[in-house]
């Protein structure tokens, strides 16, 4: 079975929704922890979720919760994760019609 473009598109869409919700929850939790002086979520964790596809939720979380808006190194890395994820998604979509390999089933 060849992986079709629509399969890739649906998979990406599902991943973006789920990971964006995860990112939104992480940003809210980290903002609360920062306000309370509690243990924080690692920046590397926030970036990893964004890189894997949660960047829409990360961008929304930054804006909604006014969190991580002034830390320029963080912001630069976040935008790098957005660009990297978009490039990877584009590669997947472009490669899909030609088959990404066979899945035995």
Protein backbone atom coordinates (compact mmCIF):
# COMPACT_ATOMS: atom_id res chain seq x y z
CA UNK A 1 0.00 0.00 0.00
CA UNK A 2 1.36 3.41 -0.96
CA UNK A 3 0.89 6.33 1.39
CA UNK A 4 -1.28 8.88 -0.41
CA UNK A 5 -1.08 12.65 -0.08
CA UNK A 6 -4.50 12.80 1.59
CA UNK A 7 -3.34 10.29 4.22
CA UNK A 8 -0.32 12.45 4.97
CA UNK A 9 -2.44 15.60 5.05
CA UNK A 10 -4.96 14.05 7.46
CA UNK A 11 -2.16 12.72 9.66
CA UNK A 12 -0.46 16.11 9.76
CA UNK A 13 -3.72 17.86 10.55
CA UNK A 14 -4.45 15.47 13.42
CA UNK A 15 -0.91 15.86 14.76
CA UNK A 16 -1.12 19.65 14.59
CA UNK A 17 -4.42 19.69 16.50
CA UNK A 18 -3.31 17.28 19.23
CA UNK A 19 0.17 18.76 19.67
CA UNK A 20 -1.17 22.31 19.59
CA UNK A 21 -3.51 21.45 22.45
CA UNK A 22 -0.58 19.90 24.33
CA UNK A 23 1.48 23.05 23.73
CA UNK A 24 -1.35 25.29 24.89
CA UNK A 25 -1.70 23.30 28.11
CA UNK A 26 2.07 23.35 28.68
CA UNK A 27 2.28 27.13 28.18
CA UNK A 28 -0.62 27.70 30.58
CA UNK A 29 0.90 25.40 33.19
CA UNK A 30 4.32 27.02 32.84
CA UNK A 31 2.85 30.50 33.15
CA UNK A 32 1.03 29.48 36.33
CA UNK A 33 4.17 27.86 37.72
CA UNK A 34 6.13 31.04 36.98
CA UNK A 35 3.55 33.16 38.80
CA UNK A 36 3.58 30.84 41.81
CA UNK A 37 7.34 30.32 41.94
CA UNK A 38 6.95 26.59 41.33
CA UNK A 39 8.84 24.11 39.15
CA UNK A 40 8.77 25.16 35.51
CA UNK A 41 8.49 23.32 32.21
CA UNK A 42 11.86 23.10 30.48
CA UNK A 43 12.23 25.37 27.48
CA UNK A 44 13.57 22.39 25.54
CA UNK A 45 10.25 20.60 26.19
CA UNK A 46 8.27 23.57 24.92
CA UNK A 47 10.47 23.71 21.82
CA UNK A 48 10.23 19.97 21.18
CA UNK A 49 6.43 20.06 21.24
CA UNK A 50 6.50 23.03 18.86
CA UNK A 51 8.95 21.29 16.55
CA UNK A 52 6.83 18.14 16.39
CA UNK A 53 3.82 20.16 15.24
CA UNK A 54 2.49 22.01 18.26
CA UNK A 55 3.78 25.38 17.12
CA UNK A 56 0.29 26.83 16.42
CA UNK A 57 -0.63 26.13 20.05
CA UNK A 58 2.72 27.47 21.23
CA UNK A 59 2.19 30.74 19.36
CA UNK A 60 -1.37 30.97 20.68
CA UNK A 61 -0.19 30.18 24.22
CA UNK A 62 2.45 32.89 24.10
CA UNK A 63 -0.15 35.42 23.08
CA UNK A 64 -3.08 34.26 25.25
CA UNK A 65 -1.06 33.89 28.44
CA UNK A 66 1.51 36.61 27.70
CA UNK A 67 4.19 34.05 28.33
CA UNK A 68 7.73 33.89 26.96
CA UNK A 69 7.14 37.08 24.98
CA UNK A 70 10.25 39.02 25.99
CA UNK A 71 12.88 36.27 26.03
CA UNK A 72 14.48 36.86 22.64
CA UNK A 73 16.61 33.68 22.52
CA UNK A 74 13.45 31.66 23.25
CA UNK A 75 11.46 33.51 20.58
CA UNK A 76 14.20 33.00 17.97
CA UNK A 77 14.37 29.26 18.64
CA UNK A 78 10.58 29.02 18.55
CA UNK A 79 10.46 30.60 15.09
CA UNK A 80 13.23 28.24 13.98
CA UNK A 81 11.10 25.29 15.12
CA UNK A 82 8.14 26.71 13.17
CA UNK A 83 10.22 27.00 9.99
CA UNK A 84 11.75 23.55 10.45
CA UNK A 85 8.38 21.92 11.05
CA UNK A 86 6.79 23.64 8.05
CA UNK A 87 9.69 22.57 5.82
CA UNK A 88 9.42 18.98 7.05
CA UNK A 89 5.66 18.94 6.49
CA UNK A 90 6.14 20.29 2.98
CA UNK A 91 8.67 17.56 2.21
CA UNK A 92 6.22 14.93 3.45
CA UNK A 93 3.40 16.35 1.34
CA UNK A 94 5.54 16.62 -1.78
CA UNK A 95 6.93 13.11 -1.38
CA UNK A 96 3.56 11.49 -0.67
CA UNK A 97 2.21 11.16 -4.22
CA UNK A 98 5.35 9.27 -5.20
CA UNK A 99 5.02 6.93 -2.27
CA UNK A 100 6.97 7.08 0.94
CA UNK A 101 7.30 3.33 0.94
CA UNK A 102 5.08 0.35 1.18
CA UNK A 103 3.18 -0.71 4.22
CA UNK A 104 2.44 -4.39 4.38
CA UNK A 105 -0.90 -5.13 5.78
